[in-house]
PDB file of all heavy atoms in Angstrom:
ATOM      1  N   GLY A   1     -11.524  -9.331  -5.628  1.00  0.00           N
ATOM      2  CA  GLY A   1     -12.361  -8.358  -4.940  1.00  0.00           C
ATOM      3  C   GLY A   1     -11.944  -6.929  -5.223  1.00  0.00           C
ATOM      4  O   GLY A   1     -12.789  -6.050  -5.416  1.00  0.00           O
ATOM      5  N   MET A   2     -10.635  -6.669  -5.245  1.00  0.00           N
ATOM      6  CA  MET A   2     -10.159  -5.315  -5.548  1.00  0.00           C
ATOM      7  C   MET A   2     -10.525  -4.924  -6.972  1.00  0.00           C
ATOM      8  O   MET A   2     -10.925  -3.783  -7.234  1.00  0.00           O
ATOM      9  CB  MET A   2      -8.656  -5.227  -5.325  1.00  0.00           C
ATOM     10  CG  MET A   2      -8.237  -5.259  -3.861  1.00  0.00           C
ATOM     11  SD  MET A   2      -6.467  -4.999  -3.607  1.00  0.00           S
ATOM     12  CE  MET A   2      -6.304  -3.302  -4.171  1.00  0.00           C
ATOM     13  N   GLY A   3     -10.388  -5.889  -7.883  1.00  0.00           N
ATOM     14  CA  GLY A   3     -10.751  -5.615  -9.272  1.00  0.00           C
ATOM     15  C   GLY A   3     -12.231  -5.277  -9.411  1.00  0.00           C
ATOM     16  O   GLY A   3     -12.606  -4.299 -10.067  1.00  0.00           O
ATOM     17  N   LEU A   4     -13.090  -6.080  -8.742  1.00  0.00           N
ATOM     18  CA  LEU A   4     -14.526  -5.837  -8.801  1.00  0.00           C
ATOM     19  C   LEU A   4     -14.883  -4.516  -8.116  1.00  0.00           C
ATOM     20  O   LEU A   4     -15.727  -3.760  -8.605  1.00  0.00           O
ATOM     21  CB  LEU A   4     -15.275  -6.991  -8.129  1.00  0.00           C
ATOM     22  CG  LEU A   4     -15.279  -8.337  -8.863  1.00  0.00           C
ATOM     23  CD1 LEU A   4     -15.913  -9.412  -7.990  1.00  0.00           C
ATOM     24  CD2 LEU A   4     -16.035  -8.222 -10.188  1.00  0.00           C
ATOM     25  N   GLY A   5     -14.229  -4.241  -6.971  1.00  0.00           N
ATOM     26  CA  GLY A   5     -14.500  -3.007  -6.243  1.00  0.00           C
ATOM     27  C   GLY A   5     -14.123  -1.776  -7.047  1.00  0.00           C
ATOM     28  O   GLY A   5     -14.878  -0.795  -7.089  1.00  0.00           O
ATOM     29  N   ILE A   6     -12.962  -1.809  -7.674  1.00  0.00           N
ATOM     30  CA  ILE A   6     -12.504  -0.681  -8.490  1.00  0.00           C
ATOM     31  C   ILE A   6     -13.431  -0.487  -9.691  1.00  0.00           C
ATOM     32  O   ILE A   6     -13.811   0.646 -10.025  1.00  0.00           O
ATOM     33  CB  ILE A   6     -11.047  -0.900  -8.948  1.00  0.00           C
ATOM     34  CG1 ILE A   6     -10.110  -0.827  -7.730  1.00  0.00           C
ATOM     35  CG2 ILE A   6     -10.648   0.132 -10.004  1.00  0.00           C
ATOM     36  CD1 ILE A   6      -8.680  -1.222  -8.047  1.00  0.00           C
ATOM     37  N   PHE A   7     -13.830  -1.593 -10.315  1.00  0.00           N
ATOM     38  CA  PHE A   7     -14.727  -1.518 -11.468  1.00  0.00           C
ATOM     39  C   PHE A   7     -16.079  -0.922 -11.064  1.00  0.00           C
ATOM     40  O   PHE A   7     -16.609  -0.023 -11.733  1.00  0.00           O
ATOM     41  CB  PHE A   7     -14.929  -2.910 -12.067  1.00  0.00           C
ATOM     42  CG  PHE A   7     -15.926  -2.955 -13.192  1.00  0.00           C
ATOM     43  CD1 PHE A   7     -15.596  -2.486 -14.457  1.00  0.00           C
ATOM     44  CD2 PHE A   7     -17.205  -3.460 -12.979  1.00  0.00           C
ATOM     45  CE1 PHE A   7     -16.527  -2.521 -15.493  1.00  0.00           C
ATOM     46  CE2 PHE A   7     -18.132  -3.502 -14.000  1.00  0.00           C
ATOM     47  CZ  PHE A   7     -17.798  -3.033 -15.259  1.00  0.00           C
ATOM     48  N   ALA A   8     -16.645  -1.425  -9.942  1.00  0.00           N
ATOM     49  CA  ALA A   8     -17.945  -0.939  -9.485  1.00  0.00           C
ATOM     50  C   ALA A   8     -17.871   0.545  -9.088  1.00  0.00           C
ATOM     51  O   ALA A   8     -18.779   1.325  -9.394  1.00  0.00           O
ATOM     52  CB  ALA A   8     -18.434  -1.777  -8.311  1.00  0.00           C
ATOM     53  N   SER A   9     -16.770   0.940  -8.421  1.00  0.00           N
ATOM     54  CA  SER A   9     -16.610   2.338  -8.017  1.00  0.00           C
ATOM     55  C   SER A   9     -16.536   3.253  -9.232  1.00  0.00           C
ATOM     56  O   SER A   9     -17.149   4.333  -9.260  1.00  0.00           O
ATOM     57  CB  SER A   9     -15.351   2.503  -7.157  1.00  0.00           C
ATOM     58  OG  SER A   9     -15.456   1.783  -5.948  1.00  0.00           O
ATOM     59  N   ASN A  10     -15.804   2.826 -10.235  1.00  0.00           N
ATOM     60  CA  ASN A  10     -15.690   3.621 -11.465  1.00  0.00           C
ATOM     61  C   ASN A  10     -17.023   3.718 -12.196  1.00  0.00           C
ATOM     62  O   ASN A  10     -17.364   4.763 -12.763  1.00  0.00           O
ATOM     63  CB  ASN A  10     -14.627   3.031 -12.380  1.00  0.00           C
ATOM     64  CG  ASN A  10     -13.217   3.204 -11.823  1.00  0.00           C
ATOM     65  OD1 ASN A  10     -12.957   4.126 -11.047  1.00  0.00           O
ATOM     66  ND2 ASN A  10     -12.305   2.327 -12.197  1.00  0.00           N
ATOM     67  N   MET A  11     -17.783   2.616 -12.184  1.00  0.00           N
ATOM     68  CA  MET A  11     -19.093   2.630 -12.831  1.00  0.00           C
ATOM     69  C   MET A  11     -20.042   3.598 -12.124  1.00  0.00           C
ATOM     70  O   MET A  11     -20.882   4.239 -12.758  1.00  0.00           O
ATOM     71  CB  MET A  11     -19.693   1.217 -12.837  1.00  0.00           C
ATOM     72  CG  MET A  11     -19.004   0.249 -13.784  1.00  0.00           C
ATOM     73  SD  MET A  11     -19.249   0.700 -15.529  1.00  0.00           S
ATOM     74  CE  MET A  11     -20.997   0.386 -15.717  1.00  0.00           C
ATOM     75  N   LEU A  12     -19.910   3.702 -10.808  1.00  0.00           N
ATOM     76  CA  LEU A  12     -20.744   4.616 -10.028  1.00  0.00           C
ATOM     77  C   LEU A  12     -20.228   6.052 -10.073  1.00  0.00           C
ATOM     78  O   LEU A  12     -20.889   6.969  -9.588  1.00  0.00           O
ATOM     79  CB  LEU A  12     -20.823   4.148  -8.574  1.00  0.00           C
ATOM     80  CG  LEU A  12     -21.560   2.832  -8.323  1.00  0.00           C
ATOM     81  CD1 LEU A  12     -21.391   2.402  -6.876  1.00  0.00           C
ATOM     82  CD2 LEU A  12     -23.042   2.976  -8.655  1.00  0.00           C
ATOM     83  N   GLY A  13     -19.040   6.237 -10.629  1.00  0.00           N
ATOM     84  CA  GLY A  13     -18.472   7.569 -10.750  1.00  0.00           C
ATOM     85  C   GLY A  13     -17.712   8.035  -9.528  1.00  0.00           C
ATOM     86  O   GLY A  13     -17.492   9.237  -9.356  1.00  0.00           O
ATOM     87  N   TYR A  14     -17.297   7.112  -8.664  1.00  0.00           N
ATOM     88  CA  TYR A  14     -16.540   7.466  -7.467  1.00  0.00           C
ATOM     89  C   TYR A  14     -15.100   6.995  -7.606  1.00  0.00           C
ATOM     90  O   TYR A  14     -14.837   5.953  -8.221  1.00  0.00           O
ATOM     91  CB  TYR A  14     -17.153   6.821  -6.219  1.00  0.00           C
ATOM     92  CG  TYR A  14     -18.594   7.174  -5.979  1.00  0.00           C
ATOM     93  CD1 TYR A  14     -19.575   6.194  -5.928  1.00  0.00           C
ATOM     94  CD2 TYR A  14     -18.982   8.498  -5.807  1.00  0.00           C
ATOM     95  CE1 TYR A  14     -20.907   6.516  -5.707  1.00  0.00           C
ATOM     96  CE2 TYR A  14     -20.307   8.832  -5.588  1.00  0.00           C
ATOM     97  CZ  TYR A  14     -21.262   7.832  -5.548  1.00  0.00           C
ATOM     98  OH  TYR A  14     -22.565   8.154  -5.331  1.00  0.00           O
ATOM     99  N   PRO A  15     -14.144   7.706  -7.026  1.00  0.00           N
ATOM    100  CA  PRO A  15     -12.755   7.239  -7.044  1.00  0.00           C
ATOM    101  C   PRO A  15     -12.617   5.988  -6.181  1.00  0.00           C
ATOM    102  O   PRO A  15     -13.161   5.925  -5.077  1.00  0.00           O
ATOM    103  CB  PRO A  15     -11.973   8.416  -6.448  1.00  0.00           C
ATOM    104  CG  PRO A  15     -12.973   9.152  -5.606  1.00  0.00           C
ATOM    105  CD  PRO A  15     -14.285   8.999  -6.318  1.00  0.00           C
ATOM    106  N   ALA A  16     -11.927   4.973  -6.692  1.00  0.00           N
ATOM    107  CA  ALA A  16     -11.763   3.714  -5.972  1.00  0.00           C
ATOM    108  C   ALA A  16     -10.828   3.914  -4.779  1.00  0.00           C
ATOM    109  O   ALA A  16      -9.737   4.452  -4.923  1.00  0.00           O
ATOM    110  CB  ALA A  16     -11.212   2.638  -6.896  1.00  0.00           C
ATOM    111  N   VAL A  17     -11.288   3.482  -3.607  1.00  0.00           N
ATOM    112  CA  VAL A  17     -10.486   3.604  -2.380  1.00  0.00           C
ATOM    113  C   VAL A  17     -10.470   2.241  -1.681  1.00  0.00           C
ATOM    114  O   VAL A  17     -11.354   1.945  -0.871  1.00  0.00           O
ATOM    115  CB  VAL A  17     -11.057   4.674  -1.426  1.00  0.00           C
ATOM    116  CG1 VAL A  17     -10.143   4.839  -0.214  1.00  0.00           C
ATOM    117  CG2 VAL A  17     -11.236   6.000  -2.152  1.00  0.00           C
ATOM    118  N   PRO A  18      -9.498   1.373  -2.001  1.00  0.00           N
ATOM    119  CA  PRO A  18      -9.418   0.068  -1.335  1.00  0.00           C
ATOM    120  C   PRO A  18      -9.211   0.241   0.168  1.00  0.00           C
ATOM    121  O   PRO A  18      -8.525   1.165   0.609  1.00  0.00           O
ATOM    122  CB  PRO A  18      -8.195  -0.592  -1.990  1.00  0.00           C
ATOM    123  CG  PRO A  18      -8.014   0.127  -3.285  1.00  0.00           C
ATOM    124  CD  PRO A  18      -8.461   1.540  -3.027  1.00  0.00           C
ATOM    125  N   SER A  19      -9.825  -0.630   0.941  1.00  0.00           N
ATOM    126  CA  SER A  19      -9.725  -0.562   2.402  1.00  0.00           C
ATOM    127  C   SER A  19      -8.545  -1.405   2.874  1.00  0.00           C
ATOM    128  O   SER A  19      -8.565  -2.629   2.768  1.00  0.00           O
ATOM    129  CB  SER A  19     -11.020  -1.074   3.039  1.00  0.00           C
ATOM    130  OG  SER A  19     -10.864  -1.201   4.431  1.00  0.00           O
ATOM    131  N   ILE A  20      -7.495  -0.730   3.376  1.00  0.00           N
ATOM    132  CA  ILE A  20      -6.322  -1.447   3.877  1.00  0.00           C
ATOM    133  C   ILE A  20      -6.699  -2.308   5.074  1.00  0.00           C
ATOM    134  O   ILE A  20      -6.305  -3.482   5.164  1.00  0.00           O
ATOM    135  CB  ILE A  20      -5.204  -0.456   4.271  1.00  0.00           C
ATOM    136  CG1 ILE A  20      -4.833   0.430   3.069  1.00  0.00           C
ATOM    137  CG2 ILE A  20      -3.996  -1.218   4.788  1.00  0.00           C
ATOM    138  CD1 ILE A  20      -4.337  -0.335   1.874  1.00  0.00           C
ATOM    139  N   SER A  21      -7.486  -1.740   5.981  1.00  0.00           N
ATOM    140  CA  SER A  21      -7.897  -2.511   7.152  1.00  0.00           C
ATOM    141  C   SER A  21      -8.754  -3.697   6.746  1.00  0.00           C
ATOM    142  O   SER A  21      -8.625  -4.798   7.312  1.00  0.00           O
ATOM    143  CB  SER A  21      -8.677  -1.616   8.126  1.00  0.00           C
ATOM    144  OG  SER A  21      -9.836  -1.086   7.505  1.00  0.00           O
ATOM    145  N   GLY A  22      -9.628  -3.490   5.740  1.00  0.00           N
ATOM    146  CA  GLY A  22     -10.458  -4.588   5.253  1.00  0.00           C
ATOM    147  C   GLY A  22      -9.628  -5.703   4.648  1.00  0.00           C
ATOM    148  O   GLY A  22      -9.927  -6.889   4.831  1.00  0.00           O
ATOM    149  N   ILE A  23      -8.562  -5.323   3.922  1.00  0.00           N
ATOM    150  CA  ILE A  23      -7.671  -6.323   3.316  1.00  0.00           C
ATOM    151  C   ILE A  23      -6.981  -7.141   4.397  1.00  0.00           C
ATOM    152  O   ILE A  23      -6.946  -8.382   4.349  1.00  0.00           O
ATOM    153  CB  ILE A  23      -6.624  -5.624   2.416  1.00  0.00           C
ATOM    154  CG1 ILE A  23      -7.314  -5.013   1.185  1.00  0.00           C
ATOM    155  CG2 ILE A  23      -5.537  -6.602   1.994  1.00  0.00           C
ATOM    156  CD1 ILE A  23      -6.407  -4.141   0.351  1.00  0.00           C
ATOM    157  N   ILE A  24      -6.427  -6.456   5.395  1.00  0.00           N
ATOM    158  CA  ILE A  24      -5.702  -7.145   6.469  1.00  0.00           C
ATOM    159  C   ILE A  24      -6.637  -8.062   7.251  1.00  0.00           C
ATOM    160  O   ILE A  24      -6.327  -9.229   7.521  1.00  0.00           O
ATOM    161  CB  ILE A  24      -5.039  -6.122   7.412  1.00  0.00           C
ATOM    162  CG1 ILE A  24      -3.963  -5.329   6.652  1.00  0.00           C
ATOM    163  CG2 ILE A  24      -4.425  -6.824   8.626  1.00  0.00           C
ATOM    164  CD1 ILE A  24      -3.376  -4.181   7.445  1.00  0.00           C
ATOM    165  N   ILE A  25      -7.819  -7.538   7.597  1.00  0.00           N
ATOM    166  CA  ILE A  25      -8.774  -8.334   8.377  1.00  0.00           C
ATOM    167  C   ILE A  25      -9.244  -9.553   7.578  1.00  0.00           C
ATOM    168  O   ILE A  25      -9.354 -10.661   8.129  1.00  0.00           O
ATOM    169  CB  ILE A  25      -9.980  -7.460   8.787  1.00  0.00           C
ATOM    170  CG1 ILE A  25      -9.539  -6.400   9.794  1.00  0.00           C
ATOM    171  CG2 ILE A  25     -11.095  -8.320   9.377  1.00  0.00           C
ATOM    172  CD1 ILE A  25     -10.624  -5.380  10.122  1.00  0.00           C
ATOM    173  N   SER A  26      -9.520  -9.358   6.295  1.00  0.00           N
ATOM    174  CA  SER A  26     -10.020 -10.464   5.479  1.00  0.00           C
ATOM    175  C   SER A  26      -8.990 -11.580   5.349  1.00  0.00           C
ATOM    176  O   SER A  26      -9.319 -12.768   5.477  1.00  0.00           O
ATOM    177  CB  SER A  26     -10.407  -9.956   4.087  1.00  0.00           C
ATOM    178  OG  SER A  26     -11.473  -9.038   4.178  1.00  0.00           O
ATOM    179  N   ILE A  27      -7.737 -11.207   5.090  1.00  0.00           N
ATOM    180  CA  ILE A  27      -6.685 -12.223   4.956  1.00  0.00           C
ATOM    181  C   ILE A  27      -6.457 -12.927   6.291  1.00  0.00           C
ATOM    182  O   ILE A  27      -6.332 -14.160   6.355  1.00  0.00           O
ATOM    183  CB  ILE A  27      -5.373 -11.583   4.449  1.00  0.00           C
ATOM    184  CG1 ILE A  27      -5.560 -11.045   3.026  1.00  0.00           C
ATOM    185  CG2 ILE A  27      -4.248 -12.597   4.494  1.00  0.00           C
ATOM    186  CD1 ILE A  27      -5.914 -12.105   2.005  1.00  0.00           C
ATOM    187  N   ALA A  28      -6.412 -12.141   7.374  1.00  0.00           N
ATOM    188  CA  ALA A  28      -6.223 -12.750   8.697  1.00  0.00           C
ATOM    189  C   ALA A  28      -7.389 -13.667   9.036  1.00  0.00           C
ATOM    190  O   ALA A  28      -7.198 -14.757   9.604  1.00  0.00           O
ATOM    191  CB  ALA A  28      -6.085 -11.651   9.750  1.00  0.00           C
ATOM    192  N   PHE A  29      -8.602 -13.258   8.672  1.00  0.00           N
ATOM    193  CA  PHE A  29      -9.781 -14.075   8.962  1.00  0.00           C
ATOM    194  C   PHE A  29      -9.770 -15.357   8.148  1.00  0.00           C
ATOM    195  O   PHE A  29     -10.157 -16.427   8.648  1.00  0.00           O
ATOM    196  CB  PHE A  29     -11.045 -13.274   8.662  1.00  0.00           C
ATOM    197  CG  PHE A  29     -12.310 -13.935   9.129  1.00  0.00           C
ATOM    198  CD1 PHE A  29     -12.568 -14.073  10.477  1.00  0.00           C
ATOM    199  CD2 PHE A  29     -13.238 -14.419   8.218  1.00  0.00           C
ATOM    200  CE1 PHE A  29     -13.733 -14.675  10.920  1.00  0.00           C
ATOM    201  CE2 PHE A  29     -14.399 -15.029   8.640  1.00  0.00           C
ATOM    202  CZ  PHE A  29     -14.661 -15.160  10.008  1.00  0.00           C
ATOM    203  N   SER A  30      -9.329 -15.263   6.889  1.00  0.00           N
ATOM    204  CA  SER A  30      -9.269 -16.478   6.062  1.00  0.00           C
ATOM    205  C   SER A  30      -8.267 -17.481   6.631  1.00  0.00           C
ATOM    206  O   SER A  30      -8.529 -18.695   6.640  1.00  0.00           O
ATOM    207  CB  SER A  30      -8.899 -16.123   4.613  1.00  0.00           C
ATOM    208  OG  SER A  30      -7.566 -15.650   4.529  1.00  0.00           O
ATOM    209  N   MET A  31      -7.118 -16.994   7.115  1.00  0.00           N
ATOM    210  CA  MET A  31      -6.151 -17.891   7.740  1.00  0.00           C
ATOM    211  C   MET A  31      -6.694 -18.442   9.052  1.00  0.00           C
ATOM    212  O   MET A  31      -6.436 -19.599   9.423  1.00  0.00           O
ATOM    213  CB  MET A  31      -4.831 -17.160   7.975  1.00  0.00           C
ATOM    214  CG  MET A  31      -4.120 -16.770   6.684  1.00  0.00           C
ATOM    215  SD  MET A  31      -2.511 -16.018   6.975  1.00  0.00           S
ATOM    216  CE  MET A  31      -1.585 -17.433   7.593  1.00  0.00           C
ATOM    217  N   GLY A  32      -7.462 -17.619   9.765  1.00  0.00           N
ATOM    218  CA  GLY A  32      -8.110 -18.100  10.981  1.00  0.00           C
ATOM    219  C   GLY A  32      -9.109 -19.195  10.684  1.00  0.00           C
ATOM    220  O   GLY A  32      -9.246 -20.161  11.457  1.00  0.00           O
ATOM    221  N   ILE A  33      -9.815 -19.052   9.545  1.00  0.00           N
ATOM    222  CA  ILE A  33     -10.740 -20.101   9.103  1.00  0.00           C
ATOM    223  C   ILE A  33      -9.981 -21.404   8.873  1.00  0.00           C
ATOM    224  O   ILE A  33     -10.424 -22.490   9.260  1.00  0.00           O
ATOM    225  CB  ILE A  33     -11.456 -19.664   7.802  1.00  0.00           C
ATOM    226  CG1 ILE A  33     -12.452 -18.545   8.091  1.00  0.00           C
ATOM    227  CG2 ILE A  33     -12.151 -20.843   7.134  1.00  0.00           C
ATOM    228  CD1 ILE A  33     -13.689 -18.968   8.832  1.00  0.00           C
ATOM    229  N   GLY A  34      -8.802 -21.283   8.232  1.00  0.00           N
ATOM    230  CA  GLY A  34      -7.977 -22.475   7.983  1.00  0.00           C
ATOM    231  C   GLY A  34      -7.529 -23.129   9.274  1.00  0.00           C
ATOM    232  O   GLY A  34      -7.537 -24.360   9.409  1.00  0.00           O
ATOM    233  N   LEU A  35      -7.149 -22.285  10.250  1.00  0.00           N
ATOM    234  CA  LEU A  35      -6.712 -22.822  11.542  1.00  0.00           C
ATOM    235  C   LEU A  35      -7.863 -23.500  12.272  1.00  0.00           C
ATOM    236  O   LEU A  35      -7.722 -24.614  12.802  1.00  0.00           O
ATOM    237  CB  LEU A  35      -6.144 -21.685  12.389  1.00  0.00           C
ATOM    238  CG  LEU A  35      -5.733 -22.031  13.831  1.00  0.00           C
ATOM    239  CD1 LEU A  35      -4.612 -23.066  13.825  1.00  0.00           C
ATOM    240  CD2 LEU A  35      -5.302 -20.778  14.580  1.00  0.00           C
ATOM    241  N   PHE A  36      -9.031 -22.848  12.277  1.00  0.00           N
ATOM    242  CA  PHE A  36     -10.170 -23.372  13.028  1.00  0.00           C
ATOM    243  C   PHE A  36     -10.705 -24.667  12.407  1.00  0.00           C
ATOM    244  O   PHE A  36     -10.896 -25.670  13.099  1.00  0.00           O
ATOM    245  CB  PHE A  36     -11.279 -22.315  13.071  1.00  0.00           C
ATOM    246  CG  PHE A  36     -12.501 -22.737  13.821  1.00  0.00           C
ATOM    247  CD1 PHE A  36     -12.533 -22.676  15.206  1.00  0.00           C
ATOM    248  CD2 PHE A  36     -13.629 -23.200  13.142  1.00  0.00           C
ATOM    249  CE1 PHE A  36     -13.669 -23.077  15.904  1.00  0.00           C
ATOM    250  CE2 PHE A  36     -14.758 -23.605  13.836  1.00  0.00           C
ATOM    251  CZ  PHE A  36     -14.777 -23.536  15.220  1.00  0.00           C
ATOM    252  N   PHE A  37     -10.960 -24.626  11.088  1.00  0.00           N
ATOM    253  CA  PHE A  37     -11.556 -25.784  10.439  1.00  0.00           C
ATOM    254  C   PHE A  37     -10.524 -26.862  10.094  1.00  0.00           C
ATOM    255  O   PHE A  37     -10.899 -27.985   9.771  1.00  0.00           O
ATOM    256  CB  PHE A  37     -12.311 -25.353   9.172  1.00  0.00           C
ATOM    257  CG  PHE A  37     -13.599 -24.640   9.459  1.00  0.00           C
ATOM    258  CD1 PHE A  37     -13.658 -23.261   9.435  1.00  0.00           C
ATOM    259  CD2 PHE A  37     -14.748 -25.343   9.771  1.00  0.00           C
ATOM    260  CE1 PHE A  37     -14.848 -22.587   9.698  1.00  0.00           C
ATOM    261  CE2 PHE A  37     -15.938 -24.681  10.035  1.00  0.00           C
ATOM    262  CZ  PHE A  37     -15.994 -23.304  10.005  1.00  0.00           C
ATOM    263  N   GLY A  38      -9.259 -26.491  10.124  1.00  0.00           N
ATOM    264  CA  GLY A  38      -8.222 -27.489   9.846  1.00  0.00           C
ATOM    265  C   GLY A  38      -7.778 -28.250  11.082  1.00  0.00           C
ATOM    266  O   GLY A  38      -7.142 -29.304  10.988  1.00  0.00           O
TER     267      GLY A  38
END
C-alpha cells in the first residue's frame, strides 16, 4: 500500500505523505479481524 500510495502521489505531482495513524489503525484492525474471526 505504501508503495502504491507513493507511486500514485508522485504520478499526481504531490509529495508522498504516508499516514502514520492510518498505518497503526490498519495493522491493529487486521489483528482485530484475526481475533474476531479466529
